[in-house]
Protein backbone atom coordinates (compact mmCIF):
# COMPACT_ATOMS: atom_id res chain seq x y z
CA MET A 1 -115.77 -40.66 -43.06
CA ALA A 2 -113.67 -42.36 -45.71
CA ASN A 3 -110.47 -41.69 -43.79
CA SER A 4 -112.09 -42.92 -40.60
CA GLY A 5 -113.21 -46.10 -42.35
CA GLY A 6 -109.78 -46.66 -43.89
CA GLY A 7 -108.15 -46.10 -40.52
CA SER A 8 -110.39 -48.64 -38.82
CA VAL A 9 -109.62 -51.20 -41.52
CA ARG A 10 -105.91 -50.66 -40.98
CA VAL A 11 -106.35 -51.08 -37.25
CA VAL A 12 -108.26 -54.32 -37.74
CA LEU A 13 -105.66 -55.65 -40.16
CA ARG A 14 -102.85 -54.64 -37.82
CA ASP A 15 -104.52 -56.33 -34.85
CA ARG A 16 -105.08 -59.49 -36.87
CA ALA A 17 -101.47 -59.51 -38.07
CA ARG A 18 -100.27 -59.15 -34.49
CA ALA A 19 -102.58 -61.95 -33.37
CA ILE A 20 -101.21 -64.22 -36.10
CA ALA A 21 -97.63 -63.29 -35.24
CA ARG A 22 -98.26 -64.15 -31.58
CA ASN A 23 -99.99 -67.44 -32.30
CA PRO A 24 -97.51 -70.25 -31.48
CA TRP A 25 -99.53 -72.82 -33.39
CA ILE A 26 -98.83 -71.05 -36.68
CA TRP A 27 -95.07 -70.77 -36.17
CA THR A 28 -94.81 -74.30 -34.85
CA THR A 29 -96.78 -75.65 -37.81
CA LEU A 30 -94.59 -73.72 -40.25
CA ALA A 31 -91.42 -75.03 -38.60
CA TYR A 32 -92.78 -78.56 -38.66
CA ILE A 33 -93.73 -78.33 -42.35
CA ALA A 34 -90.28 -76.92 -43.12
CA GLY A 35 -88.74 -79.83 -41.23
CA VAL A 36 -90.81 -82.32 -43.20
CA LEU A 37 -89.77 -80.77 -46.52
CA ILE A 38 -86.11 -80.74 -45.49
CA ARG A 39 -86.35 -84.40 -44.46
CA VAL A 40 -87.99 -85.43 -47.71
CA ASN A 41 -85.35 -83.68 -49.79
CA TYR A 42 -82.44 -84.87 -47.66
CA THR A 43 -83.56 -88.50 -47.39
CA LEU A 44 -84.73 -89.01 -50.96
CA ARG A 45 -82.23 -86.83 -52.86
CA VAL A 46 -79.20 -85.77 -50.82
CA GLN A 47 -78.51 -88.89 -48.77
CA PRO A 48 -80.65 -91.90 -49.74
CA PRO A 49 -80.02 -94.48 -46.99
CA GLN A 50 -79.70 -97.41 -49.42
CA LYS A 51 -76.62 -95.73 -50.97
CA TYR A 52 -74.77 -95.32 -47.68
CA VAL A 53 -74.54 -98.81 -46.22
CA TYR A 54 -71.23 -98.97 -44.34
CA SER A 55 -69.95 -99.21 -40.74
CA ASP A 56 -72.89 -99.82 -38.35
CA MET A 57 -75.35 -99.47 -41.23
CA SER A 58 -73.68 -102.44 -42.92
CA LEU A 59 -73.94 -104.47 -39.70
CA TYR A 60 -77.67 -103.77 -39.35
CA VAL A 61 -78.46 -104.41 -43.02
CA GLY A 62 -76.34 -107.58 -43.06
CA LEU A 63 -78.15 -108.99 -40.03
CA ALA A 64 -81.50 -108.00 -41.50
CA ARG A 65 -80.74 -109.87 -44.73
CA ARG A 66 -79.67 -112.93 -42.74
CA PHE A 67 -82.86 -112.87 -40.69
CA ALA A 68 -84.91 -112.52 -43.86
CA SER A 69 -83.22 -115.29 -45.88
CA SER A 70 -81.88 -117.94 -43.48
CA HIS A 71 -82.36 -119.65 -40.14
CA GLU A 72 -78.66 -119.77 -39.29
CA PRO A 73 -78.18 -119.58 -35.49
CA LEU A 74 -76.84 -116.36 -34.02
CA ARG A 75 -73.30 -116.16 -32.65
CA PRO A 76 -71.68 -113.78 -30.10
CA TRP A 77 -70.57 -111.37 -32.82
CA ASP A 78 -74.18 -111.07 -33.99
CA VAL A 79 -75.42 -109.63 -30.68
CA THR A 80 -72.95 -106.81 -30.16
CA HIS A 81 -75.89 -104.48 -30.91
CA PRO A 82 -79.50 -104.87 -29.74
CA LEU A 83 -81.49 -106.97 -32.18
CA GLY A 84 -84.64 -104.84 -32.30
CA TYR A 85 -83.66 -102.74 -35.28
CA PRO A 86 -82.20 -105.48 -37.51
CA ALA A 87 -85.27 -107.62 -36.75
CA PHE A 88 -87.54 -104.76 -37.81
CA LEU A 89 -85.39 -104.04 -40.85
CA SER A 90 -85.60 -107.70 -41.88
CA LEU A 91 -89.37 -107.30 -42.29
CA LEU A 92 -88.75 -104.41 -44.66
CA VAL A 93 -86.10 -106.41 -46.55
CA ARG A 94 -88.64 -109.18 -47.15
CA TRP A 95 -90.98 -106.51 -48.50
CA ASP A 96 -88.37 -104.91 -50.78
CA ASP A 97 -84.80 -106.20 -51.06
CA THR A 98 -83.60 -102.96 -52.67
CA LEU A 99 -84.19 -101.11 -49.36
CA VAL A 100 -85.98 -98.27 -51.15
CA ARG A 101 -89.19 -98.83 -49.23
CA ALA A 102 -87.18 -99.20 -46.04
CA SER A 103 -85.84 -95.70 -46.69
CA TYR A 104 -89.44 -94.45 -46.89
CA VAL A 105 -90.10 -95.99 -43.48
CA GLN A 106 -86.99 -94.27 -42.08
CA LEU A 107 -88.32 -91.00 -43.47
CA GLY A 108 -91.73 -91.58 -41.91
CA VAL A 109 -90.22 -92.27 -38.49
CA SER A 110 -88.04 -89.17 -38.81
CA ILE A 111 -91.13 -87.08 -39.55
CA LEU A 112 -92.80 -88.35 -36.37
CA VAL A 113 -89.86 -87.45 -34.11
CA PRO A 114 -90.75 -83.73 -33.71
CA LEU A 115 -94.29 -84.65 -32.70
CA ALA A 116 -92.95 -87.07 -30.07
CA ALA A 117 -90.57 -84.37 -28.83
CA GLY A 118 -93.48 -81.96 -28.54
CA LEU A 119 -95.48 -84.54 -26.60
CA LEU A 120 -92.56 -84.98 -24.22
CA GLY A 121 -92.27 -81.22 -23.75
CA ARG A 122 -96.00 -81.01 -23.02
CA ALA A 123 -95.80 -83.76 -20.44
CA CYS A 124 -92.81 -82.16 -18.71
CA PHE A 125 -93.43 -78.42 -18.63
CA GLY A 126 -96.59 -77.56 -20.54
CA ARG A 127 -97.73 -76.19 -23.88
CA ARG A 128 -95.04 -73.54 -24.43
CA THR A 129 -92.30 -76.12 -23.97
CA ALA A 130 -94.18 -78.44 -26.34
CA PHE A 131 -94.06 -75.79 -29.07
CA ALA A 132 -90.36 -75.12 -28.46
CA CYS A 133 -89.48 -78.84 -28.52
CA THR A 134 -91.42 -79.40 -31.73
CA ILE A 135 -89.70 -76.49 -33.47
CA PHE A 136 -86.26 -77.55 -32.26
CA ALA A 137 -86.72 -81.21 -33.23
CA SER A 138 -88.12 -80.22 -36.62
CA LEU A 139 -84.98 -78.30 -37.59
CA TYR A 140 -82.27 -80.06 -35.58
CA PHE A 141 -79.95 -81.53 -38.20
CA PRO A 142 -78.77 -84.70 -36.36
CA PHE A 143 -82.40 -85.86 -36.15
CA ILE A 144 -82.73 -85.25 -39.89
CA ASP A 145 -79.45 -87.02 -40.64
CA PHE A 146 -80.28 -90.09 -38.54
CA GLY A 147 -83.47 -90.50 -40.56
CA ALA A 148 -81.40 -90.77 -43.74
CA LEU A 149 -79.25 -93.67 -42.53
CA PHE A 150 -80.09 -97.25 -41.69
CA LEU A 151 -79.37 -96.77 -38.00
CA SER A 152 -81.49 -97.42 -34.94
CA GLU A 153 -81.04 -93.89 -33.57
CA VAL A 154 -84.05 -92.21 -35.12
CA HIS A 155 -86.33 -95.07 -34.01
CA PHE A 156 -84.79 -94.94 -30.54
CA ILE A 157 -85.35 -91.17 -30.28
CA LEU A 158 -89.01 -91.62 -31.20
CA TRP A 159 -89.76 -94.44 -28.77
CA LEU A 160 -87.74 -93.10 -25.84
CA ALA A 161 -89.42 -89.70 -26.19
CA LEU A 162 -92.82 -91.44 -26.12
CA ALA A 163 -91.75 -93.52 -23.12
CA PHE A 164 -90.67 -90.50 -21.10
CA ALA A 165 -93.75 -88.57 -22.18
CA GLY A 166 -95.86 -91.35 -20.67
CA LEU A 167 -93.78 -91.53 -17.47
CA PHE A 168 -93.75 -87.75 -16.92
CA ALA A 169 -97.47 -87.56 -17.61
CA ALA A 170 -98.02 -90.39 -15.13
CA SER A 171 -96.08 -88.48 -12.47
CA ARG A 172 -98.49 -85.54 -12.90
CA ALA A 173 -101.68 -87.61 -13.15
CA THR A 174 -104.55 -86.48 -10.93
CA THR A 175 -105.67 -90.02 -10.10
CA ARG A 176 -103.78 -93.22 -9.35
CA THR A 177 -105.63 -95.14 -12.09
CA ARG A 178 -104.70 -92.58 -14.72
CA GLY A 179 -101.10 -92.63 -13.53
CA LEU A 180 -100.92 -96.41 -13.79
CA LEU A 181 -102.41 -96.42 -17.29
CA LEU A 182 -99.90 -93.82 -18.45
CA SER A 183 -97.10 -95.84 -16.82
CA LEU A 184 -98.31 -98.88 -18.76
CA ALA A 185 -98.15 -96.94 -22.03
CA GLY A 186 -94.73 -95.58 -21.12
CA GLY A 187 -93.50 -99.08 -20.30
CA LEU A 188 -94.63 -100.45 -23.65
CA ALA A 189 -92.79 -97.65 -25.46
CA LEU A 190 -89.77 -98.25 -23.22
CA SER A 191 -89.65 -101.92 -24.19
CA VAL A 192 -89.33 -100.94 -27.87
CA ALA A 193 -86.69 -98.32 -27.06
CA SER A 194 -84.72 -100.90 -25.05
CA ALA A 195 -84.78 -103.29 -27.99
CA LEU A 196 -83.06 -100.54 -30.01
CA LYS A 197 -80.52 -99.15 -27.52
CA SER A 198 -79.35 -100.56 -24.19
CA VAL A 199 -79.10 -97.11 -22.61
CA ALA A 200 -82.89 -96.80 -22.32
CA LEU A 201 -83.14 -98.94 -19.17
CA PRO A 202 -80.59 -97.12 -16.98
CA ALA A 203 -82.10 -93.80 -18.12
CA VAL A 204 -85.52 -94.82 -16.80
CA ALA A 205 -84.02 -96.24 -13.61
CA CYS A 206 -82.40 -92.83 -12.99
CA PHE A 207 -85.73 -91.14 -13.71
CA PHE A 208 -87.55 -93.11 -11.01
CA ALA A 209 -84.73 -92.61 -8.47
CA VAL A 210 -84.53 -88.85 -9.00
CA HIS A 211 -88.30 -88.50 -9.13
CA ALA A 212 -88.72 -90.36 -5.83
CA MET A 213 -86.02 -88.27 -4.15
CA GLY A 214 -87.51 -85.02 -5.41
CA GLN A 215 -91.05 -85.87 -4.34
CA VAL A 216 -89.96 -86.95 -0.85
CA LEU A 217 -87.97 -83.75 -0.35
CA ARG A 218 -90.91 -81.72 -1.63
CA ALA A 219 -93.41 -83.25 0.82
CA PRO A 220 -91.56 -85.07 3.64
CA SER A 221 -94.72 -85.58 5.69
CA ALA A 222 -96.34 -87.67 2.95
CA TRP A 223 -93.28 -89.73 2.04
CA LYS A 224 -94.98 -93.11 2.53
CA ARG A 225 -97.86 -92.39 0.17
CA THR A 226 -95.45 -90.78 -2.31
CA LEU A 227 -93.14 -93.78 -2.39
CA VAL A 228 -96.07 -96.22 -2.69
CA ASP A 229 -97.43 -94.32 -5.72
CA ILE A 230 -94.02 -94.17 -7.40
CA ALA A 231 -93.35 -97.84 -6.63
CA LEU A 232 -96.69 -98.85 -8.16
CA ARG A 233 -95.95 -96.88 -11.31
CA GLY A 234 -92.50 -98.44 -11.43
CA VAL A 235 -93.91 -101.96 -11.12
CA VAL A 236 -96.45 -101.33 -13.88
CA THR A 237 -93.72 -99.91 -16.10
CA ALA A 238 -91.51 -102.93 -15.44
CA VAL A 239 -94.36 -105.36 -16.16
CA ALA A 240 -95.13 -103.62 -19.45
CA THR A 241 -91.45 -103.69 -20.42
CA SER A 242 -90.76 -107.29 -19.40
CA PRO A 243 -92.25 -109.45 -22.21
CA LEU A 244 -90.11 -108.04 -25.00
CA LEU A 245 -87.01 -107.78 -22.78
CA ILE A 246 -87.35 -111.40 -21.65
CA LEU A 247 -87.56 -112.51 -25.28
CA LEU A 248 -84.50 -110.40 -26.18
CA ALA A 249 -82.55 -111.75 -23.21
CA GLN A 250 -83.31 -115.34 -24.20
CA VAL A 251 -82.15 -114.78 -27.78
CA CYS A 252 -79.08 -112.79 -26.76
CA THR A 253 -77.98 -115.26 -24.06
CA ARG A 254 -78.39 -118.22 -26.40
CA ALA A 255 -76.31 -116.47 -29.08
CA ASN A 256 -73.73 -115.50 -26.45
CA ARG A 257 -73.11 -119.20 -25.64
CA GLY A 258 -75.02 -119.15 -22.39
CA HIS A 259 -73.44 -116.00 -20.97
CA PHE A 260 -76.28 -113.74 -19.90
CA CYS A 261 -76.95 -110.60 -21.90
CA MET A 262 -80.21 -108.71 -22.15
CA THR A 263 -79.94 -106.56 -25.25
CA GLY A 264 -76.33 -106.93 -26.36
CA ASN A 265 -72.99 -108.31 -25.18
CA LYS A 266 -70.89 -105.15 -25.43
CA VAL A 267 -72.69 -102.86 -23.00
CA GLY A 268 -69.81 -103.04 -20.52
CA ALA A 269 -67.26 -102.23 -23.22
CA ASP A 270 -69.33 -99.26 -24.36
CA PHE A 271 -69.57 -97.96 -20.80
CA LEU A 272 -65.83 -98.34 -20.23
CA LEU A 273 -64.87 -96.71 -23.52
CA GLY A 274 -67.28 -93.86 -22.88
CA HIS A 275 -66.00 -93.08 -19.38
CA TYR A 276 -62.31 -93.95 -19.40
CA GLY A 277 -60.63 -91.71 -21.93
CA ARG A 278 -57.22 -93.39 -22.04
CA ILE A 279 -58.67 -96.48 -23.75
CA ALA A 280 -59.30 -95.87 -27.44
CA SER A 281 -60.45 -99.37 -28.34
CA MET A 282 -60.65 -102.97 -27.13
CA GLU A 283 -60.02 -106.11 -29.16
CA TRP A 284 -60.74 -109.72 -28.31
CA GLY A 285 -58.92 -112.68 -29.81
CA ALA A 286 -60.26 -114.48 -32.84
CA ASP A 287 -63.38 -116.58 -32.27
CA GLU A 288 -64.18 -118.95 -35.14
CA GLY A 289 -62.34 -116.58 -37.45
CA ARG A 290 -64.11 -113.51 -36.08
CA THR A 291 -62.37 -110.70 -34.19
CA PHE A 292 -64.24 -108.52 -31.71
CA HIS A 293 -63.17 -104.89 -31.87
CA PHE A 294 -64.96 -102.15 -29.96
CA GLY A 295 -63.85 -98.56 -30.21
């Protein structure tokens, strides 16, 4: 009897251990907690952002300090990068000029990135992909590193992931109303992402084009209804994105001496340098003592 009882206890314990080992929530939570601890150590001890202000970080911090302390008008060299991040950073500079608290905000945003990645995975392919995306984003070093520098990348990753999560969820919505509401949420997140990086807009344009093509090929007989639904979601997304983009375009165009730009005046140079390998850099002549150099 004793042996039988001991054997049954071992069986129960073994079954429970197997159930725990097969539970994705446990492993995902452990990976996420590990990612949080790594981020805390890396951001606060290994690479405090306030001690590494150079290159693009210096540009963002310099603009943020200007926004916080003066009303000097912007010039063309001030809008080479989208103004969303330096404007946000200026609020943190007003709060704490040492940038220590700003580094805490960077850390907080970095900690949210794996959750946004998981949400995107869930919207695209379901729960298993959500777990995989969360684990990957928790331990992927570039995401950790971006959170420990005063750069717009980690904010952009967060908001673009949320934007696409909303748009993918809208494409799978069971009712038109639900789809439009999710498109509205995705558009609001997209407007923030666009204020951080210019590449957000063409990415979403490609999403709608490919999505429309795929849906029409999938159900050719219902192409009219399909295109109407996608067009409605596109319009709602554009409406939600427009207010912030219009404001950014007004500020950027005014700083660029009347030459239109939406989020920055070097988008064309970035595209050329990224797709034409024989050009290493581009330099404009001096403008009021300033030299434009992209590369």
